[in-house]
């Protein structure tokens, strides 16, 4: 008996999330089906965490035990020939018997991507939310600082959350900006700096990547944080309001739940194991 860990990337657009559900069509279902086709074993995967319908993963970790004698280095290629095109096993590791993908995760990082150029990007539309007006990125960064540390995040979770405690710890959070090219309207209809400076002073266009790293997350937590920060970027609420919203412990005080397609599980980190860490910034 061996304990195997898979590093999996997937486009979640057409799935009902990672974790198996009665209705089927989840990423976990597809992975377990591929393992059965390969090894003949009916196994149950343990994922590092759930991702909701329409949410993606650059680095999901899933573990399972197997009696198969297939060499560890052969699993990735063999599984990928049996998986749909929108799910890819990036690498496979044999891990200690006691390893559990969810229980032993030290922290996870999610990324939420917002495109605030005038024209949406056709080729990245599945992985980012289009917001056609500029945003105050510095105000969003200032608002984000109020969420760092251990807090009760009741204001930033769905009323459908079943967790007994909403206390969670955000270890780090930051925003990276891919600035739009400064060009004129005739050669680049997505951007006209002079027009924007007149109509949206202090705001920027580009693609924003919001990263949230924590020891654990609640249902819809990152999407609600993103939706509330969008209101900060639009100037509808001040950055310091984030602290008041957090202290209220009231979901009604926060902003809307942002669309799922902008969210990706970005990294999962384990002690003394190289799995979960990836150096590139792209899928």
C-alpha atoms as a PDB file:
ATOM      1  CA  UNK A   1       0.000   0.000   0.000  1.00  0.00           C
ATOM      2  CA  UNK A   2       1.339   3.412  -1.016  1.00  0.00           C
ATOM      3  CA  UNK A   3       0.144   6.932  -0.320  1.00  0.00           C
ATOM      4  CA  UNK A   4       0.162   9.077  -3.453  1.00  0.00           C
ATOM      5  CA  UNK A   5      -0.244  12.835  -3.825  1.00  0.00           C
ATOM      6  CA  UNK A   6      -1.301  14.478  -7.085  1.00  0.00           C
ATOM      7  CA  UNK A   7      -0.661  18.113  -8.032  1.00  0.00           C
ATOM      8  CA  UNK A   8      -3.590  19.031 -10.244  1.00  0.00           C
ATOM      9  CA  UNK A   9      -4.498  22.074 -12.353  1.00  0.00           C
ATOM     10  CA  UNK A  10      -7.958  22.546 -13.796  1.00  0.00           C
ATOM     11  CA  UNK A  11     -10.254  24.942 -15.556  1.00  0.00           C
ATOM     12  CA  UNK A  12     -13.349  24.800 -13.362  1.00  0.00           C
ATOM     13  CA  UNK A  13     -15.707  26.511 -15.812  1.00  0.00           C
ATOM     14  CA  UNK A  14     -17.710  23.414 -16.710  1.00  0.00           C
ATOM     15  CA  UNK A  15     -17.648  21.671 -13.319  1.00  0.00           C
ATOM     16  CA  UNK A  16     -19.767  21.867 -10.180  1.00  0.00           C
ATOM     17  CA  UNK A  17     -16.651  22.360  -8.080  1.00  0.00           C
ATOM     18  CA  UNK A  18     -13.856  20.065  -6.946  1.00  0.00           C
ATOM     19  CA  UNK A  19     -15.559  17.898  -4.350  1.00  0.00           C
ATOM     20  CA  UNK A  20     -17.904  15.067  -5.330  1.00  0.00           C
ATOM     21  CA  UNK A  21     -21.621  15.820  -5.182  1.00  0.00           C
ATOM     22  CA  UNK A  22     -24.742  13.721  -5.769  1.00  0.00           C
ATOM     23  CA  UNK A  23     -25.231  15.384  -9.163  1.00  0.00           C
ATOM     24  CA  UNK A  24     -21.750  14.395 -10.311  1.00  0.00           C
ATOM     25  CA  UNK A  25     -19.662  16.362 -12.810  1.00  0.00           C
ATOM     26  CA  UNK A  26     -16.976  17.453 -10.383  1.00  0.00           C
ATOM     27  CA  UNK A  27     -13.208  17.480 -10.762  1.00  0.00           C
ATOM     28  CA  UNK A  28     -12.890  14.840  -8.039  1.00  0.00           C
ATOM     29  CA  UNK A  29     -15.269  12.566  -9.969  1.00  0.00           C
ATOM     30  CA  UNK A  30     -13.161  12.868 -13.130  1.00  0.00           C
ATOM     31  CA  UNK A  31      -9.924  12.146 -11.273  1.00  0.00           C
ATOM     32  CA  UNK A  32     -11.352   9.114  -9.492  1.00  0.00           C
ATOM     33  CA  UNK A  33     -12.757   7.802 -12.782  1.00  0.00           C
ATOM     34  CA  UNK A  34      -9.333   8.170 -14.427  1.00  0.00           C
ATOM     35  CA  UNK A  35      -7.639   6.347 -11.543  1.00  0.00           C
ATOM     36  CA  UNK A  36     -10.171   3.514 -11.853  1.00  0.00           C
ATOM     37  CA  UNK A  37      -9.564   3.232 -15.607  1.00  0.00           C
ATOM     38  CA  UNK A  38      -5.821   3.111 -14.989  1.00  0.00           C
ATOM     39  CA  UNK A  39      -5.519   0.860 -11.929  1.00  0.00           C
ATOM     40  CA  UNK A  40      -8.902  -0.828 -11.575  1.00  0.00           C
ATOM     41  CA  UNK A  41      -9.187   0.563  -8.035  1.00  0.00           C
ATOM     42  CA  UNK A  42     -12.171   2.456  -6.673  1.00  0.00           C
ATOM     43  CA  UNK A  43     -10.433   5.024  -4.494  1.00  0.00           C
ATOM     44  CA  UNK A  44     -11.557   8.132  -2.629  1.00  0.00           C
ATOM     45  CA  UNK A  45      -9.440  11.235  -3.077  1.00  0.00           C
ATOM     46  CA  UNK A  46      -8.715  13.669  -0.259  1.00  0.00           C
ATOM     47  CA  UNK A  47      -8.418  17.174  -1.678  1.00  0.00           C
ATOM     48  CA  UNK A  48      -6.530  20.016   0.001  1.00  0.00           C
ATOM     49  CA  UNK A  49      -9.766  21.997  -0.094  1.00  0.00           C
ATOM     50  CA  UNK A  50     -12.975  22.591  -1.960  1.00  0.00           C
ATOM     51  CA  UNK A  51     -13.314  24.923  -4.894  1.00  0.00           C
ATOM     52  CA  UNK A  52     -16.809  26.018  -5.884  1.00  0.00           C
ATOM     53  CA  UNK A  53     -18.525  25.697  -9.245  1.00  0.00           C
ATOM     54  CA  UNK A  54     -16.681  27.729 -11.872  1.00  0.00           C
ATOM     55  CA  UNK A  55     -13.552  28.202  -9.732  1.00  0.00           C
ATOM     56  CA  UNK A  56     -10.171  27.078 -11.080  1.00  0.00           C
ATOM     57  CA  UNK A  57      -6.994  25.636  -9.613  1.00  0.00           C
ATOM     58  CA  UNK A  58      -3.404  26.181 -10.616  1.00  0.00           C
ATOM     59  CA  UNK A  59      -2.290  23.924  -7.773  1.00  0.00           C
ATOM     60  CA  UNK A  60      -4.816  21.623  -6.131  1.00  0.00           C
ATOM     61  CA  UNK A  61      -3.340  18.784  -4.072  1.00  0.00           C
ATOM     62  CA  UNK A  62      -5.161  15.467  -3.728  1.00  0.00           C
ATOM     63  CA  UNK A  63      -3.986  12.288  -1.998  1.00  0.00           C
ATOM     64  CA  UNK A  64      -5.094   8.654  -2.040  1.00  0.00           C
ATOM     65  CA  UNK A  65      -3.822   5.198  -1.117  1.00  0.00           C
ATOM     66  CA  UNK A  66      -3.245   2.502  -3.709  1.00  0.00           C
ATOM     67  CA  UNK A  67      -2.193  -1.119  -4.014  1.00  0.00           C
ATOM     68  CA  UNK A  68      -1.153  -0.554  -7.616  1.00  0.00           C
ATOM     69  CA  UNK A  69       2.421  -1.333  -8.627  1.00  0.00           C
ATOM     70  CA  UNK A  70       2.459   1.397 -11.287  1.00  0.00           C
ATOM     71  CA  UNK A  71       5.705   3.387 -10.759  1.00  0.00           C
ATOM     72  CA  UNK A  72       5.115   6.804  -9.212  1.00  0.00           C
ATOM     73  CA  UNK A  73       6.739   8.607 -12.145  1.00  0.00           C
ATOM     74  CA  UNK A  74       4.279   6.991 -14.595  1.00  0.00           C
ATOM     75  CA  UNK A  75       1.056   8.133 -12.939  1.00  0.00           C
ATOM     76  CA  UNK A  76       0.922  11.697 -14.329  1.00  0.00           C
ATOM     77  CA  UNK A  77       1.263  10.791 -17.999  1.00  0.00           C
ATOM     78  CA  UNK A  78      -1.028   7.782 -17.652  1.00  0.00           C
ATOM     79  CA  UNK A  79      -3.764   9.737 -15.881  1.00  0.00           C
ATOM     80  CA  UNK A  80      -3.599  12.662 -18.305  1.00  0.00           C
ATOM     81  CA  UNK A  81      -4.411  10.366 -21.221  1.00  0.00           C
ATOM     82  CA  UNK A  82      -7.605   9.418 -19.360  1.00  0.00           C
ATOM     83  CA  UNK A  83      -8.661  12.866 -18.165  1.00  0.00           C
ATOM     84  CA  UNK A  84     -10.632  15.608 -19.940  1.00  0.00           C
ATOM     85  CA  UNK A  85      -8.562  18.361 -21.568  1.00  0.00           C
ATOM     86  CA  UNK A  86      -9.448  20.873 -18.837  1.00  0.00           C
ATOM     87  CA  UNK A  87      -7.908  18.797 -16.016  1.00  0.00           C
ATOM     88  CA  UNK A  88      -4.150  18.131 -15.884  1.00  0.00           C
ATOM     89  CA  UNK A  89      -2.073  16.206 -13.348  1.00  0.00           C
ATOM     90  CA  UNK A  90       1.119  18.260 -13.167  1.00  0.00           C
ATOM     91  CA  UNK A  91       3.145  15.914 -10.990  1.00  0.00           C
ATOM     92  CA  UNK A  92       2.851  12.913  -8.660  1.00  0.00           C
ATOM     93  CA  UNK A  93       4.665  12.119  -5.401  1.00  0.00           C
ATOM     94  CA  UNK A  94       4.801   9.163  -3.065  1.00  0.00           C
ATOM     95  CA  UNK A  95       4.244  10.648   0.389  1.00  0.00           C
ATOM     96  CA  UNK A  96       4.418   9.300   3.958  1.00  0.00           C
ATOM     97  CA  UNK A  97       1.596   6.970   4.996  1.00  0.00           C
ATOM     98  CA  UNK A  98       0.168   9.515   7.427  1.00  0.00           C
ATOM     99  CA  UNK A  99       0.010  12.332   4.844  1.00  0.00           C
ATOM    100  CA  UNK A 100      -3.450  13.819   4.219  1.00  0.00           C
ATOM    101  CA  UNK A 101      -3.852  16.541   1.596  1.00  0.00           C
ATOM    102  CA  UNK A 102      -6.306  18.602   3.636  1.00  0.00           C
ATOM    103  CA  UNK A 103      -5.306  17.953   7.254  1.00  0.00           C
ATOM    104  CA  UNK A 104      -1.584  18.560   6.698  1.00  0.00           C
ATOM    105  CA  UNK A 105      -1.815  21.733   4.613  1.00  0.00           C
ATOM    106  CA  UNK A 106      -0.026  24.593   6.401  1.00  0.00           C
ATOM    107  CA  UNK A 107      -1.531  27.342   4.275  1.00  0.00           C
ATOM    108  CA  UNK A 108      -3.175  28.053   0.953  1.00  0.00           C
ATOM    109  CA  UNK A 109      -3.107  30.990  -1.420  1.00  0.00           C
ATOM    110  CA  UNK A 110      -5.984  32.026  -3.647  1.00  0.00           C
ATOM    111  CA  UNK A 111      -5.772  34.499  -6.517  1.00  0.00           C
ATOM    112  CA  UNK A 112      -8.647  36.634  -7.764  1.00  0.00           C
ATOM    113  CA  UNK A 113      -8.171  38.398 -11.112  1.00  0.00           C
ATOM    114  CA  UNK A 114      -9.971  41.534 -12.315  1.00  0.00           C
ATOM    115  CA  UNK A 115      -9.499  43.017 -15.779  1.00  0.00           C
ATOM    116  CA  UNK A 116     -10.387  46.722 -15.662  1.00  0.00           C
ATOM    117  CA  UNK A 117      -9.417  47.542 -19.227  1.00  0.00           C
ATOM    118  CA  UNK A 118     -12.183  48.799 -21.486  1.00  0.00           C
ATOM    119  CA  UNK A 119     -12.233  45.689 -23.622  1.00  0.00           C
ATOM    120  CA  UNK A 120     -12.285  42.188 -22.157  1.00  0.00           C
ATOM    121  CA  UNK A 121      -9.518  39.781 -23.066  1.00  0.00           C
ATOM    122  CA  UNK A 122     -11.032  37.056 -25.229  1.00  0.00           C
ATOM    123  CA  UNK A 123      -8.340  34.518 -24.379  1.00  0.00           C
ATOM    124  CA  UNK A 124      -8.351  35.088 -20.608  1.00  0.00           C
ATOM    125  CA  UNK A 125     -12.073  35.605 -20.115  1.00  0.00           C
ATOM    126  CA  UNK A 126     -12.521  32.279 -18.312  1.00  0.00           C
ATOM    127  CA  UNK A 127      -9.971  33.221 -15.641  1.00  0.00           C
ATOM    128  CA  UNK A 128     -10.725  36.862 -14.917  1.00  0.00           C
ATOM    129  CA  UNK A 129     -13.685  39.134 -14.274  1.00  0.00           C
ATOM    130  CA  UNK A 130     -14.091  42.089 -16.622  1.00  0.00           C
ATOM    131  CA  UNK A 131     -14.666  45.460 -14.930  1.00  0.00           C
ATOM    132  CA  UNK A 132     -14.710  48.035 -17.758  1.00  0.00           C
ATOM    133  CA  UNK A 133     -13.873  51.122 -15.667  1.00  0.00           C
ATOM    134  CA  UNK A 134     -10.573  51.949 -13.882  1.00  0.00           C
ATOM    135  CA  UNK A 135     -10.090  51.239 -10.186  1.00  0.00           C
ATOM    136  CA  UNK A 136      -8.277  52.987  -7.347  1.00  0.00           C
ATOM    137  CA  UNK A 137      -5.671  50.287  -6.759  1.00  0.00           C
ATOM    138  CA  UNK A 138      -3.937  52.094  -3.886  1.00  0.00           C
ATOM    139  CA  UNK A 139      -7.236  52.427  -2.020  1.00  0.00           C
ATOM    140  CA  UNK A 140      -7.840  48.706  -2.508  1.00  0.00           C
ATOM    141  CA  UNK A 141      -4.388  47.928  -1.112  1.00  0.00           C
ATOM    142  CA  UNK A 142      -5.077  50.159   1.886  1.00  0.00           C
ATOM    143  CA  UNK A 143      -8.392  48.440   2.535  1.00  0.00           C
ATOM    144  CA  UNK A 144      -6.844  45.013   2.279  1.00  0.00           C
ATOM    145  CA  UNK A 145      -4.432  45.721   5.146  1.00  0.00           C
ATOM    146  CA  UNK A 146      -7.312  45.726   7.624  1.00  0.00           C
ATOM    147  CA  UNK A 147      -7.935  42.027   6.995  1.00  0.00           C
ATOM    148  CA  UNK A 148      -4.446  40.758   7.828  1.00  0.00           C
ATOM    149  CA  UNK A 149      -4.226  38.638  10.984  1.00  0.00           C
ATOM    150  CA  UNK A 150      -6.663  36.507  12.972  1.00  0.00           C
ATOM    151  CA  UNK A 151     -10.251  37.744  12.872  1.00  0.00           C
ATOM    152  CA  UNK A 152     -13.834  36.614  12.887  1.00  0.00           C
ATOM    153  CA  UNK A 153     -14.688  36.720   9.178  1.00  0.00           C
ATOM    154  CA  UNK A 154     -18.460  36.339   9.553  1.00  0.00           C
ATOM    155  CA  UNK A 155     -18.947  39.446   7.392  1.00  0.00           C
ATOM    156  CA  UNK A 156     -16.982  37.754   4.611  1.00  0.00           C
ATOM    157  CA  UNK A 157     -18.647  34.363   4.417  1.00  0.00           C
ATOM    158  CA  UNK A 158     -21.891  33.063   2.960  1.00  0.00           C
ATOM    159  CA  UNK A 159     -24.880  32.657   5.298  1.00  0.00           C
ATOM    160  CA  UNK A 160     -24.825  29.042   4.058  1.00  0.00           C
ATOM    161  CA  UNK A 161     -21.527  28.403   5.863  1.00  0.00           C
ATOM    162  CA  UNK A 162     -21.781  25.418   8.204  1.00  0.00           C
ATOM    163  CA  UNK A 163     -18.512  26.007  10.059  1.00  0.00           C
ATOM    164  CA  UNK A 164     -18.895  26.263  13.861  1.00  0.00           C
ATOM    165  CA  UNK A 165     -16.341  29.083  13.990  1.00  0.00           C
ATOM    166  CA  UNK A 166     -15.676  31.870  11.509  1.00  0.00           C
ATOM    167  CA  UNK A 167     -12.331  32.806  13.023  1.00  0.00           C
ATOM    168  CA  UNK A 168      -9.615  32.539  10.402  1.00  0.00           C
ATOM    169  CA  UNK A 169      -6.102  33.920   9.880  1.00  0.00           C
ATOM    170  CA  UNK A 170      -4.967  35.774   6.774  1.00  0.00           C
ATOM    171  CA  UNK A 171      -1.187  35.550   6.756  1.00  0.00           C
ATOM    172  CA  UNK A 172      -0.528  37.771   3.770  1.00  0.00           C
ATOM    173  CA  UNK A 173      -2.520  39.551   1.100  1.00  0.00           C
ATOM    174  CA  UNK A 174      -1.422  41.774  -1.746  1.00  0.00           C
ATOM    175  CA  UNK A 175      -2.405  43.124  -5.150  1.00  0.00           C
ATOM    176  CA  UNK A 176      -0.263  42.930  -8.274  1.00  0.00           C
ATOM    177  CA  UNK A 177      -1.114  45.082 -11.280  1.00  0.00           C
ATOM    178  CA  UNK A 178      -0.432  44.378 -14.929  1.00  0.00           C
ATOM    179  CA  UNK A 179      -0.735  47.920 -16.238  1.00  0.00           C
ATOM    180  CA  UNK A 180      -2.421  48.531 -19.568  1.00  0.00           C
ATOM    181  CA  UNK A 181      -0.174  49.792 -22.309  1.00  0.00           C
ATOM    182  CA  UNK A 182      -0.192  53.566 -22.589  1.00  0.00           C
ATOM    183  CA  UNK A 183      -1.351  54.059 -26.142  1.00  0.00           C
ATOM    184  CA  UNK A 184      -3.839  56.225 -27.952  1.00  0.00           C
ATOM    185  CA  UNK A 185      -7.439  55.325 -28.595  1.00  0.00           C
ATOM    186  CA  UNK A 186      -6.973  54.806 -32.324  1.00  0.00           C
ATOM    187  CA  UNK A 187      -4.271  52.150 -31.998  1.00  0.00           C
ATOM    188  CA  UNK A 188      -5.496  50.593 -28.765  1.00  0.00           C
ATOM    189  CA  UNK A 189      -9.241  50.894 -28.114  1.00  0.00           C
ATOM    190  CA  UNK A 190      -8.786  49.274 -24.714  1.00  0.00           C
ATOM    191  CA  UNK A 191      -6.869  52.241 -23.367  1.00  0.00           C
ATOM    192  CA  UNK A 192      -6.764  56.038 -23.624  1.00  0.00           C
ATOM    193  CA  UNK A 193      -4.768  57.540 -20.769  1.00  0.00           C
ATOM    194  CA  UNK A 194      -5.770  61.171 -21.336  1.00  0.00           C
ATOM    195  CA  UNK A 195      -9.485  60.361 -21.397  1.00  0.00           C
ATOM    196  CA  UNK A 196      -9.208  58.255 -18.245  1.00  0.00           C
ATOM    197  CA  UNK A 197      -7.259  60.936 -16.377  1.00  0.00           C
ATOM    198  CA  UNK A 198     -10.055  63.411 -17.075  1.00  0.00           C
ATOM    199  CA  UNK A 199     -12.923  61.125 -16.144  1.00  0.00           C
ATOM    200  CA  UNK A 200     -11.331  58.788 -13.568  1.00  0.00           C
ATOM    201  CA  UNK A 201      -8.653  60.773 -11.694  1.00  0.00           C
ATOM    202  CA  UNK A 202      -6.498  58.644  -9.394  1.00  0.00           C
ATOM    203  CA  UNK A 203      -7.690  55.372 -10.906  1.00  0.00           C
ATOM    204  CA  UNK A 204      -5.883  52.841 -13.072  1.00  0.00           C
ATOM    205  CA  UNK A 205      -6.574  50.408 -15.832  1.00  0.00           C
ATOM    206  CA  UNK A 206      -4.905  47.049 -16.187  1.00  0.00           C
ATOM    207  CA  UNK A 207      -5.305  43.543 -14.826  1.00  0.00           C
ATOM    208  CA  UNK A 208      -5.361  43.240 -11.027  1.00  0.00           C
ATOM    209  CA  UNK A 209      -4.356  40.048  -9.254  1.00  0.00           C
ATOM    210  CA  UNK A 210      -5.543  39.866  -5.642  1.00  0.00           C
ATOM    211  CA  UNK A 211      -3.657  37.230  -3.620  1.00  0.00           C
ATOM    212  CA  UNK A 212      -4.941  36.016  -0.251  1.00  0.00           C
ATOM    213  CA  UNK A 213      -2.806  33.597   1.774  1.00  0.00           C
ATOM    214  CA  UNK A 214      -4.275  32.009   4.871  1.00  0.00           C
ATOM    215  CA  UNK A 215      -4.289  28.954   7.076  1.00  0.00           C
ATOM    216  CA  UNK A 216      -7.908  28.268   6.164  1.00  0.00           C
ATOM    217  CA  UNK A 217     -10.866  29.803   4.362  1.00  0.00           C
ATOM    218  CA  UNK A 218     -14.635  29.993   4.706  1.00  0.00           C
ATOM    219  CA  UNK A 219     -17.318  29.433   2.072  1.00  0.00           C
ATOM    220  CA  UNK A 220     -17.117  32.271  -0.513  1.00  0.00           C
ATOM    221  CA  UNK A 221     -14.637  34.148   1.705  1.00  0.00           C
ATOM    222  CA  UNK A 222     -12.192  35.272  -0.987  1.00  0.00           C
ATOM    223  CA  UNK A 223     -14.970  36.113  -3.455  1.00  0.00           C
ATOM    224  CA  UNK A 224     -16.705  38.335  -0.875  1.00  0.00           C
ATOM    225  CA  UNK A 225     -13.406  40.033  -0.037  1.00  0.00           C
ATOM    226  CA  UNK A 226     -12.903  40.660  -3.768  1.00  0.00           C
ATOM    227  CA  UNK A 227     -16.436  41.979  -4.207  1.00  0.00           C
ATOM    228  CA  UNK A 228     -16.004  44.378  -1.273  1.00  0.00           C
ATOM    229  CA  UNK A 229     -12.592  45.560  -2.498  1.00  0.00           C
ATOM    230  CA  UNK A 230     -14.151  46.321  -5.880  1.00  0.00           C
ATOM    231  CA  UNK A 231     -16.451  48.776  -4.101  1.00  0.00           C
ATOM    232  CA  UNK A 232     -13.375  50.350  -2.485  1.00  0.00           C
ATOM    233  CA  UNK A 233     -11.712  50.617  -5.901  1.00  0.00           C
ATOM    234  CA  UNK A 234     -14.820  52.222  -7.360  1.00  0.00           C
ATOM    235  CA  UNK A 235     -14.858  54.802  -4.555  1.00  0.00           C
ATOM    236  CA  UNK A 236     -18.184  53.609  -3.155  1.00  0.00           C
ATOM    237  CA  UNK A 237     -16.676  52.899   0.260  1.00  0.00           C
ATOM    238  CA  UNK A 238     -13.514  54.183   1.934  1.00  0.00           C
ATOM    239  CA  UNK A 239     -10.579  51.811   2.614  1.00  0.00           C
ATOM    240  CA  UNK A 240     -11.013  52.146   6.393  1.00  0.00           C
ATOM    241  CA  UNK A 241     -14.559  50.804   6.056  1.00  0.00           C
ATOM    242  CA  UNK A 242     -13.038  47.354   5.623  1.00  0.00           C
ATOM    243  CA  UNK A 243     -12.167  47.370   9.347  1.00  0.00           C
ATOM    244  CA  UNK A 244     -15.715  48.351  10.313  1.00  0.00           C
ATOM    245  CA  UNK A 245     -17.226  45.718   8.035  1.00  0.00           C
ATOM    246  CA  UNK A 246     -14.967  43.079   9.580  1.00  0.00           C
ATOM    247  CA  UNK A 247     -15.842  44.138  13.138  1.00  0.00           C
ATOM    248  CA  UNK A 248     -19.595  44.060  12.376  1.00  0.00           C
ATOM    249  CA  UNK A 249     -19.578  40.266  11.837  1.00  0.00           C
ATOM    250  CA  UNK A 250     -22.559  40.792   9.546  1.00  0.00           C
ATOM    251  CA  UNK A 251     -22.610  39.520   5.969  1.00  0.00           C
ATOM    252  CA  UNK A 252     -25.044  42.288   4.982  1.00  0.00           C
ATOM    253  CA  UNK A 253     -22.363  44.923   5.679  1.00  0.00           C
ATOM    254  CA  UNK A 254     -19.896  43.587   3.089  1.00  0.00           C
ATOM    255  CA  UNK A 255     -20.024  43.871  -0.678  1.00  0.00           C
ATOM    256  CA  UNK A 256     -21.370  41.362  -3.196  1.00  0.00           C
ATOM    257  CA  UNK A 257     -19.915  37.920  -3.820  1.00  0.00           C
ATOM    258  CA  UNK A 258     -17.659  38.344  -6.858  1.00  0.00           C
ATOM    259  CA  UNK A 259     -18.098  36.032  -9.843  1.00  0.00           C
ATOM    260  CA  UNK A 260     -16.428  32.610  -9.530  1.00  0.00           C
ATOM    261  CA  UNK A 261     -14.438  32.667 -12.785  1.00  0.00           C
ATOM    262  CA  UNK A 262     -11.919  35.171 -11.411  1.00  0.00           C
ATOM    263  CA  UNK A 263     -10.861  32.858  -8.580  1.00  0.00           C
ATOM    264  CA  UNK A 264      -8.102  30.241  -8.642  1.00  0.00           C
ATOM    265  CA  UNK A 265      -6.567  28.073  -5.944  1.00  0.00           C
ATOM    266  CA  UNK A 266      -2.988  29.196  -6.462  1.00  0.00           C
ATOM    267  CA  UNK A 267      -0.723  27.386  -4.000  1.00  0.00           C
ATOM    268  CA  UNK A 268      -0.867  24.879  -1.144  1.00  0.00           C
ATOM    269  CA  UNK A 269       2.100  24.552   1.205  1.00  0.00           C
ATOM    270  CA  UNK A 270       3.122  21.593   3.382  1.00  0.00           C
ATOM    271  CA  UNK A 271       5.901  21.228   5.935  1.00  0.00           C
ATOM    272  CA  UNK A 272       9.000  19.416   4.642  1.00  0.00           C
ATOM    273  CA  UNK A 273       7.345  18.515   1.354  1.00  0.00           C
ATOM    274  CA  UNK A 274       8.088  20.214  -1.981  1.00  0.00           C
ATOM    275  CA  UNK A 275       4.581  19.649  -3.290  1.00  0.00           C
ATOM    276  CA  UNK A 276       2.215  22.559  -3.660  1.00  0.00           C
ATOM    277  CA  UNK A 277       4.879  25.158  -4.434  1.00  0.00           C
ATOM    278  CA  UNK A 278       5.179  26.420  -7.989  1.00  0.00           C
ATOM    279  CA  UNK A 279       7.486  29.112  -9.276  1.00  0.00           C
ATOM    280  CA  UNK A 280       5.637  30.377 -12.340  1.00  0.00           C
ATOM    281  CA  UNK A 281       2.959  33.047 -12.217  1.00  0.00           C
ATOM    282  CA  UNK A 282       0.771  31.521 -14.895  1.00  0.00           C
ATOM    283  CA  UNK A 283      -1.246  28.360 -15.386  1.00  0.00           C
END
